[in-house]
Amino acid sequence: MRNLFPISKAYFDGKHRVMPLAEAQASLESWFQTHNGRYLLEREQRALHRVMPEMGAHRMMHLGVTPHQLLTGEFNHLHNFSIGAAAEYPGDSEVVSDYDALPLPSETVDTVLLHHALEFSQYPHEVLKEVARVLTPCGHMVLVVLNPISFFGLTKWPARLLSTQAVWRHHSLRHRRLLDWLRLLNFQPIKAVSGGFPMPLLWPRPDNDVGFMERIGQKYGLPWGAFYMVVARKYVAKPMLLGSRRRKFIRIPAVPAVKKNSVIKMPFSGEK
C-alpha cells in the first residue's frame, strides 16, 4: 500500500504526458489513415482553401504533425518547403529539426502553416516564438489546432487512459488562449474557421456528403468543431514622430568680424 500511490501517480503521469513529436509521428500518421483521420483531413483541406487563396508571397514553410504534407494545394507561393521532426521518418521534408529551434535566419519566411504541430509539441509556446522569429514583417501564420471544447476534444480524456494511440495525447489549446499568445508575440488574428462538428463515432465517410450537424455548424459558425483554424499576421510597430517635423537649428550668437588686412597693435612692455 505504501508504494501504490507513487506507482499510480507515475502511471497517470505517463498517460497524460505529451510525447516528443519525433516519437509520436508514426502513430499519428497511422491514425490519419483511419476513417476518422481521413474525415478530419478532408474538412481541414476545405477550410484551408477558404482562408489561404489571397496570401501570395515568396516562401512558405510547412510544419506538420507527420512527415508527409497532409494538407496540400497551390497557395501562390514561389517556394514551398517542409521541415520534419524525426530523422527516422523524413517523408516529404527537406530538413529535420526540432520545431522550437528552427535552422533558419530571422525574418526569412513569408507564410508558415502549422498543421497540428503546436498542440503535439512538448513546448508549444516555444514553437510559436520560434515561428514568430523566422516570419518576415507582415508575414502570415496559419494554425490548424484540435479544439478541446468539442466532442472530439472531450473524447481525449477517457481515450488517453484506454488507448495507446498518440493522437489522444496532446495539449488542450483553447481558441482564446491561443489568441492571447499570438497578441503577446505581436500577431493580429485576421481570420478564424472551424469544422468537424459530428461526434467522432458518427463522422460520415470523407467521400460522401457532410452530415446534418456539419451543415448546421458551418451555416451558423458554431465554435465547437473538432478543429479550428486561425490566420494571423505579424505586426511590426513603426516609430511616430512627436511634435513638429521641422528641423530646429541652434542659433549661434554673431561675433564681429575682423578685417583680413587689419593690424592689431599690441603694447610692448617698454612702452608707456
Protein backbone atom coordinates (compact mmCIF):
# COMPACT_ATOMS: atom_id res chain seq x y z
CA MET A 1 0.00 0.00 0.00
CA ARG A 2 2.89 2.35 0.66
CA ASN A 3 4.10 2.09 -2.93
CA LEU A 4 0.64 2.09 -4.50
CA PHE A 5 0.29 5.87 -4.64
CA PRO A 6 3.63 6.63 -6.39
CA ILE A 7 3.04 3.77 -8.83
CA SER A 8 -0.45 5.06 -9.67
CA LYS A 9 0.84 8.62 -9.98
CA ALA A 10 3.62 7.54 -12.34
CA TYR A 11 1.10 5.59 -14.44
CA PHE A 12 -1.32 8.50 -14.86
CA ASP A 13 1.51 10.97 -15.46
CA GLY A 14 2.76 8.76 -18.26
CA LYS A 15 -0.71 8.60 -19.81
CA HIS A 16 -1.12 12.38 -19.71
CA ARG A 17 2.43 13.24 -20.77
CA VAL A 18 2.78 14.62 -24.28
CA MET A 19 5.30 12.53 -26.19
CA PRO A 20 8.08 14.13 -28.24
CA LEU A 21 6.79 14.67 -31.75
CA ALA A 22 9.65 12.66 -33.22
CA GLU A 23 8.45 9.60 -31.29
CA ALA A 24 4.74 10.10 -31.98
CA GLN A 25 4.84 10.67 -35.73
CA ALA A 26 4.50 7.01 -36.74
CA SER A 27 1.41 6.55 -34.55
CA LEU A 28 -0.13 9.82 -35.72
CA GLU A 29 0.39 9.01 -39.38
CA SER A 30 -1.34 5.64 -38.98
CA TRP A 31 -4.31 7.34 -37.25
CA PHE A 32 -4.74 9.81 -40.10
CA GLN A 33 -5.19 6.81 -42.41
CA THR A 34 -8.28 5.68 -40.47
CA HIS A 35 -11.86 6.72 -41.20
CA ASN A 36 -11.90 9.48 -38.58
CA GLY A 37 -8.49 10.75 -39.61
CA ARG A 38 -9.41 10.97 -43.29
CA TYR A 39 -12.65 12.77 -42.50
CA LEU A 40 -10.80 15.30 -40.33
CA LEU A 41 -8.24 15.93 -43.09
CA GLU A 42 -10.99 16.40 -45.67
CA ARG A 43 -12.70 19.07 -43.55
CA GLU A 44 -9.37 20.78 -42.82
CA GLN A 45 -8.46 20.81 -46.51
CA ARG A 46 -11.71 22.57 -47.40
CA ALA A 47 -11.27 25.11 -44.61
CA LEU A 48 -7.68 25.81 -45.65
CA HIS A 49 -8.71 26.70 -49.19
CA ARG A 50 -11.18 29.23 -47.79
CA VAL A 51 -8.56 31.17 -45.85
CA MET A 52 -5.40 30.82 -47.97
CA PRO A 53 -6.07 31.98 -51.58
CA GLU A 54 -5.27 35.68 -51.13
CA MET A 55 -1.96 35.17 -49.31
CA GLY A 56 0.52 35.07 -52.18
CA ALA A 57 4.15 35.53 -51.16
CA HIS A 58 7.64 34.22 -51.83
CA ARG A 59 8.39 31.47 -49.29
CA MET A 60 6.00 29.15 -47.46
CA MET A 61 7.09 26.72 -44.73
CA HIS A 62 5.10 23.68 -43.61
CA LEU A 63 5.45 22.29 -40.08
CA GLY A 64 3.31 19.18 -39.85
CA VAL A 65 2.38 16.59 -37.30
CA THR A 66 3.55 13.81 -39.65
CA PRO A 67 6.50 13.60 -42.05
CA HIS A 68 4.11 13.98 -45.01
CA GLN A 69 2.25 17.11 -46.05
CA LEU A 70 -1.31 16.01 -45.34
CA LEU A 71 -2.76 19.37 -46.37
CA THR A 72 -1.82 20.19 -49.95
CA GLY A 73 -2.67 22.82 -52.51
CA GLU A 74 -1.35 25.68 -54.62
CA PHE A 75 -1.21 28.81 -52.48
CA ASN A 76 0.53 31.32 -54.79
CA HIS A 77 3.98 30.89 -53.25
CA LEU A 78 7.14 30.69 -55.34
CA HIS A 79 8.93 28.37 -52.92
CA ASN A 80 7.23 25.78 -50.71
CA PHE A 81 9.21 23.57 -48.33
CA SER A 82 8.60 21.50 -45.20
CA ILE A 83 10.59 20.64 -42.07
CA GLY A 84 10.21 17.28 -40.33
CA ALA A 85 10.66 16.36 -36.69
CA ALA A 86 12.12 12.84 -36.94
CA ALA A 87 15.16 11.66 -38.87
CA GLU A 88 13.72 8.11 -38.97
CA TYR A 89 10.66 9.33 -40.90
CA PRO A 90 11.83 12.12 -43.24
CA GLY A 91 8.87 11.74 -45.62
CA ASP A 92 8.36 14.87 -47.73
CA SER A 93 10.61 17.00 -45.54
CA GLU A 94 13.78 18.55 -46.89
CA VAL A 95 15.16 19.26 -43.40
CA VAL A 96 14.77 17.59 -40.00
CA SER A 97 14.84 19.78 -36.90
CA ASP A 98 13.14 20.49 -33.60
CA TYR A 99 10.27 22.89 -34.15
CA ASP A 100 11.36 25.03 -31.22
CA ALA A 101 14.84 25.54 -32.76
CA LEU A 102 14.42 26.07 -36.50
CA PRO A 103 17.66 26.21 -38.54
CA LEU A 104 16.65 29.41 -40.34
CA PRO A 105 17.72 33.05 -40.10
CA SER A 106 15.29 35.55 -38.66
CA GLU A 107 12.64 37.11 -40.92
CA THR A 108 13.14 34.84 -43.95
CA VAL A 109 9.74 33.10 -44.40
CA ASP A 110 6.54 34.81 -45.60
CA THR A 111 3.96 32.18 -44.59
CA VAL A 112 4.09 29.32 -42.07
CA LEU A 113 1.48 26.54 -41.92
CA LEU A 114 1.40 24.66 -38.62
CA HIS A 115 -0.71 21.55 -39.11
CA HIS A 116 -1.33 20.29 -35.54
CA ALA A 117 2.38 20.87 -34.87
CA LEU A 118 1.58 23.19 -31.97
CA GLU A 119 -0.55 21.01 -29.67
CA PHE A 120 1.51 17.85 -30.29
CA SER A 121 4.81 19.55 -29.41
CA GLN A 122 6.08 19.32 -25.86
CA TYR A 123 6.66 23.08 -25.67
CA PRO A 124 4.01 24.77 -27.83
CA HIS A 125 4.79 28.29 -26.65
CA GLU A 126 8.45 27.90 -27.65
CA VAL A 127 7.37 26.65 -31.09
CA LEU A 128 5.17 29.71 -31.51
CA LYS A 129 8.02 32.04 -30.53
CA GLU A 130 10.39 30.36 -33.00
CA VAL A 131 7.88 30.65 -35.84
CA ALA A 132 7.40 34.33 -35.00
CA ARG A 133 11.16 34.81 -35.23
CA VAL A 134 11.54 33.40 -38.76
CA LEU A 135 8.48 35.18 -40.17
CA THR A 136 9.02 38.36 -42.14
CA PRO A 137 7.26 41.59 -41.08
CA CYS A 138 3.61 41.41 -42.17
CA GLY A 139 4.06 37.66 -42.75
CA HIS A 140 1.23 35.21 -42.08
CA MET A 141 0.89 32.27 -39.71
CA VAL A 142 -1.80 29.64 -40.34
CA LEU A 143 -2.53 27.37 -37.37
CA VAL A 144 -4.63 24.20 -37.53
CA VAL A 145 -5.36 23.10 -33.95
CA LEU A 146 -7.55 20.44 -32.35
CA ASN A 147 -10.35 22.07 -30.38
CA PRO A 148 -10.52 20.91 -26.74
CA ILE A 149 -14.08 22.28 -26.41
CA SER A 150 -15.63 19.81 -28.85
CA PHE A 151 -16.90 16.24 -28.98
CA PHE A 152 -13.51 15.15 -30.25
CA GLY A 153 -11.63 17.14 -27.62
CA LEU A 154 -13.72 15.74 -24.77
CA THR A 155 -13.19 12.19 -26.05
CA LYS A 156 -9.46 12.54 -25.48
CA TRP A 157 -9.71 12.33 -21.67
CA PRO A 158 -11.08 8.76 -21.39
CA ALA A 159 -9.38 7.66 -24.62
CA ARG A 160 -5.87 8.53 -23.44
CA LEU A 161 -6.35 6.22 -20.44
CA LEU A 162 -7.62 3.31 -22.52
CA SER A 163 -5.69 3.72 -25.77
CA THR A 164 -2.01 3.84 -26.67
CA GLN A 165 -2.53 5.99 -29.77
CA ALA A 166 -0.57 9.24 -29.73
CA VAL A 167 -3.49 11.23 -31.17
CA TRP A 168 -5.12 11.39 -27.73
CA ARG A 169 -2.02 12.78 -26.01
CA HIS A 170 -1.73 16.45 -26.87
CA HIS A 171 -2.04 19.85 -25.24
CA SER A 172 -5.51 21.33 -24.87
CA LEU A 173 -5.16 24.74 -26.51
CA ARG A 174 -8.33 26.77 -26.31
CA HIS A 175 -9.05 29.32 -29.00
CA ARG A 176 -8.93 32.31 -26.64
CA ARG A 177 -5.72 31.11 -25.04
CA LEU A 178 -4.04 30.83 -28.43
CA LEU A 179 -5.20 34.32 -29.39
CA ASP A 180 -3.61 35.68 -26.20
CA TRP A 181 -0.32 34.01 -27.11
CA LEU A 182 -0.45 35.49 -30.60
CA ARG A 183 -1.09 39.02 -29.34
CA LEU A 184 1.84 38.75 -26.93
CA LEU A 185 4.04 37.96 -29.95
CA ASN A 186 2.68 40.97 -31.91
CA PHE A 187 0.37 38.95 -34.17
CA GLN A 188 -3.02 40.20 -35.26
CA PRO A 189 -5.64 37.45 -35.90
CA ILE A 190 -7.48 38.20 -39.14
CA LYS A 191 -9.47 35.00 -39.88
CA ALA A 192 -10.80 32.01 -37.95
CA VAL A 193 -12.85 29.00 -39.10
CA SER A 194 -13.92 25.71 -37.53
CA GLY A 195 -15.06 22.31 -38.73
CA GLY A 196 -15.69 18.66 -37.83
CA PHE A 197 -18.89 19.04 -35.79
CA PRO A 198 -20.31 15.47 -35.64
CA MET A 199 -19.31 13.12 -32.86
CA PRO A 200 -16.17 11.08 -33.68
CA LEU A 201 -18.05 7.76 -33.87
CA LEU A 202 -20.68 9.28 -36.18
CA TRP A 203 -18.41 11.03 -38.69
CA PRO A 204 -19.58 10.33 -42.26
CA ARG A 205 -17.35 8.94 -44.97
CA PRO A 206 -14.96 11.52 -46.44
CA ASP A 207 -16.18 10.82 -49.98
CA ASN A 208 -19.84 11.27 -49.03
CA ASP A 209 -21.81 14.43 -48.37
CA VAL A 210 -21.40 16.05 -44.98
CA GLY A 211 -23.89 15.21 -42.28
CA PHE A 212 -26.61 17.29 -40.70
CA MET A 213 -24.50 18.53 -37.78
CA GLU A 214 -21.68 19.57 -40.12
CA ARG A 215 -24.05 21.66 -42.25
CA ILE A 216 -25.57 23.33 -39.18
CA GLY A 217 -22.17 24.07 -37.69
CA GLN A 218 -20.84 25.60 -40.92
CA LYS A 219 -24.00 27.62 -41.51
CA TYR A 220 -24.09 29.26 -38.07
CA GLY A 221 -20.35 29.26 -37.35
CA LEU A 222 -20.58 27.19 -34.17
CA PRO A 223 -17.41 27.20 -32.03
CA TRP A 224 -17.26 23.51 -31.04
CA GLY A 225 -15.84 21.92 -34.18
CA ALA A 226 -13.19 19.19 -33.84
CA PHE A 227 -10.59 21.64 -35.14
CA TYR A 228 -10.23 25.37 -35.55
CA MET A 229 -8.02 27.30 -37.93
CA VAL A 230 -6.55 30.73 -37.20
CA VAL A 231 -4.80 33.04 -39.67
CA ALA A 232 -2.67 35.74 -38.02
CA ARG A 233 -0.45 38.46 -39.44
CA LYS A 234 2.81 39.63 -37.89
CA TYR A 235 2.51 43.22 -36.78
CA VAL A 236 5.55 45.49 -36.71
CA ALA A 237 5.16 48.81 -34.93
CA LYS A 238 6.51 51.93 -36.66
CA PRO A 239 8.03 54.84 -34.74
CA MET A 240 5.97 58.03 -34.53
CA LEU A 241 7.44 61.50 -34.55
CA LEU A 242 6.10 63.70 -31.80
CA GLY A 243 5.60 67.42 -32.29
CA SER A 244 6.67 69.38 -35.35
CA ARG A 245 8.76 67.63 -38.01
CA ARG A 246 10.65 70.84 -38.90
CA ARG A 247 14.31 70.89 -38.15
CA LYS A 248 15.29 73.05 -35.29
CA PHE A 249 18.53 74.98 -35.83
CA ILE A 250 20.72 76.11 -32.98
CA ARG A 251 21.21 79.86 -33.01
CA ILE A 252 24.83 80.93 -32.61
CA PRO A 253 25.46 84.46 -31.38
CA ALA A 254 27.07 86.70 -34.01
CA VAL A 255 30.72 87.71 -33.45
CA PRO A 256 32.04 90.93 -35.04
CA ALA A 257 34.26 90.08 -37.96
CA VAL A 258 37.91 91.03 -38.12
CA LYS A 259 39.25 92.60 -41.30
CA LYS A 260 41.68 90.47 -43.20
CA ASN A 261 44.45 93.10 -43.57
CA SER A 262 43.92 94.88 -40.29
CA VAL A 263 46.83 95.09 -37.91
CA ILE A 264 46.26 94.87 -34.26
CA LYS A 265 48.85 96.73 -32.30
CA MET A 266 49.91 95.18 -29.07
CA PRO A 267 51.64 97.34 -26.49
CA PHE A 268 55.22 96.39 -25.62
CA SER A 269 56.29 96.10 -22.11
CA GLY A 270 58.68 99.03 -22.50
CA GLU A 271 56.01 101.44 -23.79
CA LYS A 272 54.14 103.77 -21.53
